[in-house]
Amino acid sequence: MSQENAVSARENLEAFDRRDRAAFLSGRDPACEVIPDRNWPEVGVIRGREAVWEFYLSVAEALGLVSDDAEIIDAGSDKVVTHRGAQARGQTSGAGVVFDYSVVATFREGKIFREQWFADRSAALEAAGLSE
């Protein structure tokens, strides 16, 4: 099942990049949650696939993200690690910043159930039971 989860993770990412809300939501468990990195400005767990969609949309729009290719790592059984870098521009200043996070996705019955963000790629791999 783990290879299928890696494929599902990529499809979900691509659905978001296309802003295909229906496809994005269909790849998520209705009770899914996102746990941002502890250094993210808005802390707290985002719960429910609709809230997750809105959260990701607000992040992408606020930062003016231009996505780069994502690295997706099959971590076995129910976990996938996605590392994604992107160029962002401050809305007011126009200053360029690098958006560089890793996410550990946990699947339940073929759908993304939980995503936990990490600013440190090594910490994400460790959380998924892997190492560099």
N, C-alpha and C. Protein backbone atom coordinates (compact mmCIF):
# COMPACT_ATOMS: atom_id res chain seq x y z
N MET A 1 0.82 -1.22 0.00
CA MET A 1 0.00 0.00 0.00
C MET A 1 0.85 1.27 0.00
N SER A 2 2.09 1.19 0.48
CA SER A 2 2.87 2.42 0.63
C SER A 2 3.17 3.11 -0.70
N GLN A 3 3.47 2.35 -1.75
CA GLN A 3 3.72 2.98 -3.05
C GLN A 3 2.46 3.69 -3.55
N GLU A 4 1.31 3.11 -3.30
CA GLU A 4 0.05 3.77 -3.67
C GLU A 4 -0.12 5.08 -2.91
N ASN A 5 0.34 5.10 -1.66
CA ASN A 5 0.25 6.33 -0.87
C ASN A 5 1.14 7.42 -1.46
N ALA A 6 2.32 7.04 -1.93
CA ALA A 6 3.22 8.02 -2.56
C ALA A 6 2.58 8.60 -3.81
N VAL A 7 1.93 7.76 -4.60
CA VAL A 7 1.23 8.23 -5.80
C VAL A 7 0.08 9.15 -5.40
N SER A 8 -0.67 8.77 -4.38
CA SER A 8 -1.79 9.60 -3.91
C SER A 8 -1.31 10.95 -3.40
N ALA A 9 -0.17 10.95 -2.70
CA ALA A 9 0.38 12.21 -2.19
C ALA A 9 0.73 13.14 -3.34
N ARG A 10 1.38 12.60 -4.38
CA ARG A 10 1.72 13.42 -5.55
C ARG A 10 0.47 13.95 -6.24
N GLU A 11 -0.53 13.10 -6.42
CA GLU A 11 -1.78 13.52 -7.06
C GLU A 11 -2.46 14.62 -6.26
N ASN A 12 -2.41 14.52 -4.92
CA ASN A 12 -3.03 15.53 -4.08
C ASN A 12 -2.31 16.86 -4.20
N LEU A 13 -0.99 16.81 -4.25
CA LEU A 13 -0.19 18.02 -4.43
C LEU A 13 -0.49 18.67 -5.77
N GLU A 14 -0.55 17.85 -6.81
CA GLU A 14 -0.85 18.37 -8.15
C GLU A 14 -2.25 18.96 -8.21
N ALA A 15 -3.20 18.34 -7.53
CA ALA A 15 -4.57 18.88 -7.48
C ALA A 15 -4.56 20.26 -6.84
N PHE A 16 -3.79 20.41 -5.75
CA PHE A 16 -3.72 21.72 -5.11
C PHE A 16 -3.08 22.74 -6.04
N ASP A 17 -1.98 22.36 -6.68
CA ASP A 17 -1.30 23.28 -7.59
C ASP A 17 -2.21 23.77 -8.71
N ARG A 18 -3.13 22.91 -9.15
CA ARG A 18 -4.11 23.29 -10.19
C ARG A 18 -5.30 24.05 -9.58
N ARG A 19 -5.33 24.10 -8.25
CA ARG A 19 -6.45 24.66 -7.47
C ARG A 19 -7.74 23.89 -7.78
N ASP A 20 -7.58 22.57 -7.92
CA ASP A 20 -8.71 21.67 -8.15
C ASP A 20 -9.21 21.20 -6.79
N ARG A 21 -10.10 21.99 -6.23
CA ARG A 21 -10.61 21.75 -4.88
C ARG A 21 -11.24 20.37 -4.73
N ALA A 22 -12.06 19.97 -5.67
CA ALA A 22 -12.75 18.67 -5.58
C ALA A 22 -11.75 17.52 -5.54
N ALA A 23 -10.74 17.55 -6.40
CA ALA A 23 -9.74 16.49 -6.42
C ALA A 23 -8.91 16.50 -5.14
N PHE A 24 -8.56 17.69 -4.67
CA PHE A 24 -7.79 17.81 -3.42
C PHE A 24 -8.58 17.21 -2.26
N LEU A 25 -9.82 17.60 -2.13
CA LEU A 25 -10.64 17.11 -1.01
C LEU A 25 -10.88 15.61 -1.10
N SER A 26 -11.02 15.08 -2.31
CA SER A 26 -11.29 13.64 -2.45
C SER A 26 -10.11 12.79 -2.01
N GLY A 27 -8.91 13.34 -1.96
CA GLY A 27 -7.74 12.60 -1.52
C GLY A 27 -7.49 12.70 -0.03
N ARG A 28 -8.41 13.32 0.67
CA ARG A 28 -8.26 13.57 2.11
C ARG A 28 -9.35 12.89 2.91
N ASP A 29 -8.97 12.36 4.05
CA ASP A 29 -9.94 11.85 5.01
C ASP A 29 -10.78 13.04 5.49
N PRO A 30 -12.09 12.87 5.68
CA PRO A 30 -12.90 14.00 6.14
C PRO A 30 -12.41 14.61 7.46
N ALA A 31 -11.77 13.81 8.30
CA ALA A 31 -11.28 14.30 9.59
C ALA A 31 -9.79 14.62 9.55
N CYS A 32 -9.24 14.87 8.37
CA CYS A 32 -7.79 15.10 8.27
C CYS A 32 -7.39 16.34 9.07
N GLU A 33 -6.10 16.37 9.38
CA GLU A 33 -5.57 17.50 10.13
C GLU A 33 -4.17 17.83 9.66
N VAL A 34 -3.81 19.10 9.83
CA VAL A 34 -2.48 19.58 9.51
C VAL A 34 -1.90 20.19 10.78
N ILE A 35 -0.66 19.78 11.07
CA ILE A 35 0.04 20.31 12.23
C ILE A 35 1.23 21.10 11.70
N PRO A 36 1.13 22.44 11.71
CA PRO A 36 2.24 23.25 11.20
C PRO A 36 3.48 23.12 12.09
N ASP A 37 4.63 23.41 11.53
CA ASP A 37 5.88 23.45 12.29
C ASP A 37 5.72 24.43 13.46
N ARG A 38 6.40 24.14 14.55
CA ARG A 38 6.25 24.97 15.75
C ARG A 38 6.66 26.42 15.53
N ASN A 39 7.46 26.68 14.49
CA ASN A 39 7.89 28.06 14.19
C ASN A 39 6.97 28.77 13.21
N TRP A 40 5.93 28.09 12.74
CA TRP A 40 5.00 28.71 11.81
C TRP A 40 4.25 29.82 12.55
N PRO A 41 3.97 30.95 11.91
CA PRO A 41 3.32 32.07 12.60
C PRO A 41 1.98 31.72 13.26
N GLU A 42 1.21 30.88 12.61
CA GLU A 42 -0.07 30.49 13.18
C GLU A 42 0.08 29.07 13.71
N VAL A 43 0.12 28.95 15.02
CA VAL A 43 0.27 27.61 15.59
C VAL A 43 -1.11 27.03 15.87
N GLY A 44 -1.14 25.75 16.01
CA GLY A 44 -2.40 25.07 16.27
C GLY A 44 -2.72 24.13 15.14
N VAL A 45 -3.49 23.13 15.46
CA VAL A 45 -3.85 22.10 14.50
C VAL A 45 -5.03 22.57 13.65
N ILE A 46 -4.94 22.37 12.36
CA ILE A 46 -6.05 22.68 11.44
C ILE A 46 -6.78 21.36 11.23
N ARG A 47 -8.07 21.34 11.50
CA ARG A 47 -8.84 20.09 11.43
C ARG A 47 -9.97 20.16 10.41
N GLY A 48 -10.12 19.06 9.68
CA GLY A 48 -11.18 18.95 8.68
C GLY A 48 -10.66 19.32 7.32
N ARG A 49 -11.05 18.53 6.31
CA ARG A 49 -10.46 18.75 4.98
C ARG A 49 -10.80 20.10 4.39
N GLU A 50 -11.97 20.64 4.69
CA GLU A 50 -12.31 21.99 4.19
C GLU A 50 -11.39 23.04 4.81
N ALA A 51 -11.16 22.92 6.12
CA ALA A 51 -10.27 23.86 6.81
C ALA A 51 -8.84 23.72 6.29
N VAL A 52 -8.42 22.49 5.99
CA VAL A 52 -7.08 22.25 5.45
C VAL A 52 -6.95 22.92 4.08
N TRP A 53 -7.97 22.75 3.23
CA TRP A 53 -7.95 23.41 1.91
C TRP A 53 -7.80 24.92 2.09
N GLU A 54 -8.58 25.52 2.96
CA GLU A 54 -8.53 26.97 3.18
C GLU A 54 -7.17 27.40 3.72
N PHE A 55 -6.61 26.60 4.63
CA PHE A 55 -5.30 26.92 5.19
C PHE A 55 -4.24 26.93 4.09
N TYR A 56 -4.18 25.86 3.29
CA TYR A 56 -3.18 25.80 2.22
C TYR A 56 -3.38 26.90 1.20
N LEU A 57 -4.62 27.19 0.88
CA LEU A 57 -4.91 28.25 -0.07
C LEU A 57 -4.43 29.60 0.47
N SER A 58 -4.68 29.87 1.75
CA SER A 58 -4.26 31.14 2.33
C SER A 58 -2.74 31.26 2.37
N VAL A 59 -2.05 30.17 2.65
CA VAL A 59 -0.58 30.19 2.66
C VAL A 59 -0.06 30.49 1.26
N ALA A 60 -0.57 29.78 0.26
CA ALA A 60 -0.11 29.97 -1.11
C ALA A 60 -0.39 31.39 -1.61
N GLU A 61 -1.56 31.90 -1.29
CA GLU A 61 -1.91 33.24 -1.76
C GLU A 61 -1.16 34.33 -1.00
N ALA A 62 -1.01 34.18 0.30
CA ALA A 62 -0.32 35.20 1.09
C ALA A 62 1.14 35.33 0.71
N LEU A 63 1.76 34.21 0.38
CA LEU A 63 3.18 34.23 0.06
C LEU A 63 3.46 34.33 -1.43
N GLY A 64 2.43 34.25 -2.25
CA GLY A 64 2.64 34.29 -3.68
C GLY A 64 3.57 33.17 -4.13
N LEU A 65 3.32 31.97 -3.64
CA LEU A 65 4.21 30.84 -3.90
C LEU A 65 4.22 30.43 -5.36
N VAL A 66 5.41 30.16 -5.84
CA VAL A 66 5.62 29.56 -7.15
C VAL A 66 6.30 28.23 -6.86
N SER A 67 5.59 27.14 -7.08
CA SER A 67 6.07 25.83 -6.67
C SER A 67 7.22 25.31 -7.50
N ASP A 68 8.12 24.64 -6.81
CA ASP A 68 9.17 23.85 -7.46
C ASP A 68 8.71 22.40 -7.41
N ASP A 69 9.51 21.53 -7.99
CA ASP A 69 9.19 20.11 -7.92
C ASP A 69 9.26 19.63 -6.47
N ALA A 70 8.39 18.71 -6.14
CA ALA A 70 8.38 18.13 -4.81
C ALA A 70 9.09 16.78 -4.84
N GLU A 71 9.83 16.52 -3.78
CA GLU A 71 10.44 15.21 -3.59
C GLU A 71 9.49 14.41 -2.70
N ILE A 72 9.06 13.25 -3.15
CA ILE A 72 8.15 12.42 -2.37
C ILE A 72 8.87 11.12 -2.06
N ILE A 73 8.93 10.81 -0.76
CA ILE A 73 9.65 9.63 -0.28
C ILE A 73 8.65 8.68 0.37
N ASP A 74 8.61 7.47 -0.15
CA ASP A 74 7.78 6.41 0.42
C ASP A 74 8.45 5.96 1.71
N ALA A 75 7.80 6.20 2.85
CA ALA A 75 8.38 5.84 4.15
C ALA A 75 7.86 4.50 4.65
N GLY A 76 7.13 3.78 3.82
CA GLY A 76 6.63 2.47 4.23
C GLY A 76 5.29 2.56 4.94
N SER A 77 4.58 1.49 4.92
CA SER A 77 3.24 1.30 5.49
C SER A 77 2.33 2.50 5.26
N ASP A 78 2.16 3.38 6.23
CA ASP A 78 1.15 4.43 6.10
C ASP A 78 1.72 5.84 6.02
N LYS A 79 3.04 5.99 5.78
CA LYS A 79 3.66 7.32 5.79
C LYS A 79 4.38 7.66 4.49
N VAL A 80 4.31 8.94 4.15
CA VAL A 80 5.01 9.50 3.00
C VAL A 80 5.62 10.82 3.46
N VAL A 81 6.85 11.08 3.05
CA VAL A 81 7.50 12.36 3.35
C VAL A 81 7.58 13.15 2.05
N THR A 82 7.11 14.37 2.10
CA THR A 82 7.19 15.26 0.95
C THR A 82 8.09 16.43 1.33
N HIS A 83 9.07 16.70 0.50
CA HIS A 83 9.92 17.87 0.71
C HIS A 83 9.65 18.81 -0.45
N ARG A 84 9.33 20.04 -0.09
CA ARG A 84 8.96 20.99 -1.13
C ARG A 84 9.59 22.34 -0.86
N GLY A 85 10.25 22.83 -1.87
CA GLY A 85 10.78 24.17 -1.81
C GLY A 85 10.03 25.03 -2.81
N ALA A 86 9.94 26.29 -2.52
CA ALA A 86 9.27 27.20 -3.44
C ALA A 86 9.81 28.60 -3.22
N GLN A 87 9.71 29.40 -4.25
CA GLN A 87 10.05 30.81 -4.13
C GLN A 87 8.78 31.56 -3.74
N ALA A 88 8.92 32.46 -2.80
CA ALA A 88 7.77 33.26 -2.36
C ALA A 88 8.15 34.73 -2.44
N ARG A 89 7.15 35.56 -2.55
CA ARG A 89 7.34 37.02 -2.57
C ARG A 89 6.44 37.65 -1.53
N GLY A 90 7.01 38.51 -0.73
CA GLY A 90 6.22 39.25 0.25
C GLY A 90 5.18 40.09 -0.46
N GLN A 91 3.96 40.06 0.04
CA GLN A 91 2.85 40.79 -0.61
C GLN A 91 3.13 42.29 -0.67
N THR A 92 3.63 42.86 0.41
CA THR A 92 3.86 44.29 0.45
C THR A 92 5.24 44.67 -0.06
N SER A 93 6.26 43.97 0.46
CA SER A 93 7.63 44.34 0.13
C SER A 93 8.10 43.81 -1.21
N GLY A 94 7.53 42.70 -1.65
CA GLY A 94 8.00 42.07 -2.87
C GLY A 94 9.31 41.33 -2.68
N ALA A 95 9.80 41.30 -1.43
CA ALA A 95 11.06 40.61 -1.14
C ALA A 95 10.92 39.12 -1.38
N GLY A 96 11.95 38.53 -1.95
CA GLY A 96 11.94 37.10 -2.20
C GLY A 96 12.34 36.31 -0.97
N VAL A 97 11.66 35.22 -0.75
CA VAL A 97 11.97 34.30 0.34
C VAL A 97 11.86 32.87 -0.18
N VAL A 98 12.58 31.98 0.47
CA VAL A 98 12.50 30.57 0.12
C VAL A 98 11.57 29.88 1.10
N PHE A 99 10.59 29.20 0.58
CA PHE A 99 9.66 28.38 1.36
C PHE A 99 10.22 26.97 1.28
N ASP A 100 10.67 26.42 2.41
CA ASP A 100 11.38 25.15 2.41
C ASP A 100 10.91 24.30 3.59
N TYR A 101 9.96 23.41 3.34
CA TYR A 101 9.40 22.57 4.40
C TYR A 101 9.31 21.13 3.94
N SER A 102 9.35 20.25 4.93
CA SER A 102 9.07 18.84 4.71
C SER A 102 7.81 18.50 5.48
N VAL A 103 7.04 17.59 4.91
CA VAL A 103 5.77 17.21 5.51
C VAL A 103 5.69 15.69 5.60
N VAL A 104 5.34 15.19 6.77
CA VAL A 104 5.10 13.77 6.93
C VAL A 104 3.59 13.57 6.87
N ALA A 105 3.16 12.84 5.85
CA ALA A 105 1.73 12.54 5.68
C ALA A 105 1.48 11.13 6.17
N THR A 106 0.42 11.00 6.95
CA THR A 106 -0.02 9.69 7.42
C THR A 106 -1.34 9.39 6.72
N PHE A 107 -1.43 8.19 6.17
CA PHE A 107 -2.62 7.78 5.42
C PHE A 107 -3.50 6.85 6.26
N ARG A 108 -4.78 6.96 6.03
CA ARG A 108 -5.75 6.06 6.63
C ARG A 108 -6.73 5.66 5.53
N GLU A 109 -6.79 4.37 5.26
CA GLU A 109 -7.68 3.83 4.23
C GLU A 109 -7.49 4.55 2.89
N GLY A 110 -6.22 4.79 2.53
CA GLY A 110 -5.89 5.35 1.23
C GLY A 110 -6.05 6.86 1.10
N LYS A 111 -6.40 7.54 2.18
CA LYS A 111 -6.58 9.00 2.16
C LYS A 111 -5.61 9.65 3.14
N ILE A 112 -5.22 10.88 2.84
CA ILE A 112 -4.35 11.61 3.77
C ILE A 112 -5.16 11.93 5.02
N PHE A 113 -4.64 11.47 6.15
CA PHE A 113 -5.32 11.69 7.43
C PHE A 113 -4.64 12.78 8.25
N ARG A 114 -3.32 12.80 8.23
CA ARG A 114 -2.59 13.80 9.02
C ARG A 114 -1.35 14.23 8.24
N GLU A 115 -1.05 15.53 8.33
CA GLU A 115 0.19 16.06 7.78
C GLU A 115 0.85 16.88 8.88
N GLN A 116 2.12 16.56 9.12
CA GLN A 116 2.88 17.32 10.10
C GLN A 116 4.06 17.97 9.39
N TRP A 117 4.17 19.29 9.53
CA TRP A 117 5.20 20.07 8.87
C TRP A 117 6.48 20.11 9.71
N PHE A 118 7.60 20.15 9.00
CA PHE A 118 8.91 20.28 9.65
C PHE A 118 9.75 21.25 8.84
N ALA A 119 10.38 22.21 9.53
CA ALA A 119 11.31 23.12 8.87
C ALA A 119 12.65 22.42 8.63
N ASP A 120 12.89 21.33 9.35
CA ASP A 120 14.12 20.56 9.26
C ASP A 120 13.83 19.22 8.58
N ARG A 121 14.41 19.02 7.41
CA ARG A 121 14.18 17.80 6.64
C ARG A 121 14.56 16.55 7.42
N SER A 122 15.67 16.61 8.13
CA SER A 122 16.12 15.46 8.92
C SER A 122 15.11 15.08 9.99
N ALA A 123 14.52 16.08 10.62
CA ALA A 123 13.50 15.81 11.65
C ALA A 123 12.28 15.15 11.04
N ALA A 124 11.92 15.54 9.83
CA ALA A 124 10.78 14.93 9.14
C ALA A 124 11.08 13.46 8.84
N LEU A 125 12.26 13.21 8.32
CA LEU A 125 12.63 11.82 8.01
C LEU A 125 12.62 10.97 9.27
N GLU A 126 13.16 11.52 10.35
CA GLU A 126 13.18 10.79 11.62
C GLU A 126 11.76 10.50 12.11
N ALA A 127 10.87 11.48 11.99
CA ALA A 127 9.48 11.30 12.42
C ALA A 127 8.78 10.21 11.62
N ALA A 128 9.25 9.99 10.39
CA ALA A 128 8.67 8.96 9.53
C ALA A 128 9.40 7.62 9.68
N GLY A 129 10.39 7.58 10.56
CA GLY A 129 11.13 6.35 10.78
C GLY A 129 12.25 6.12 9.78
N LEU A 130 12.72 7.19 9.15
CA LEU A 130 13.80 7.11 8.16
C LEU A 130 15.00 7.92 8.63
N SER A 131 16.08 7.84 7.88
CA SER A 131 17.24 8.68 8.15
C SER A 131 17.82 9.13 6.81
N GLU A 132 18.67 10.15 6.87
CA GLU A 132 19.29 10.70 5.65
C GLU A 132 20.16 9.67 4.98
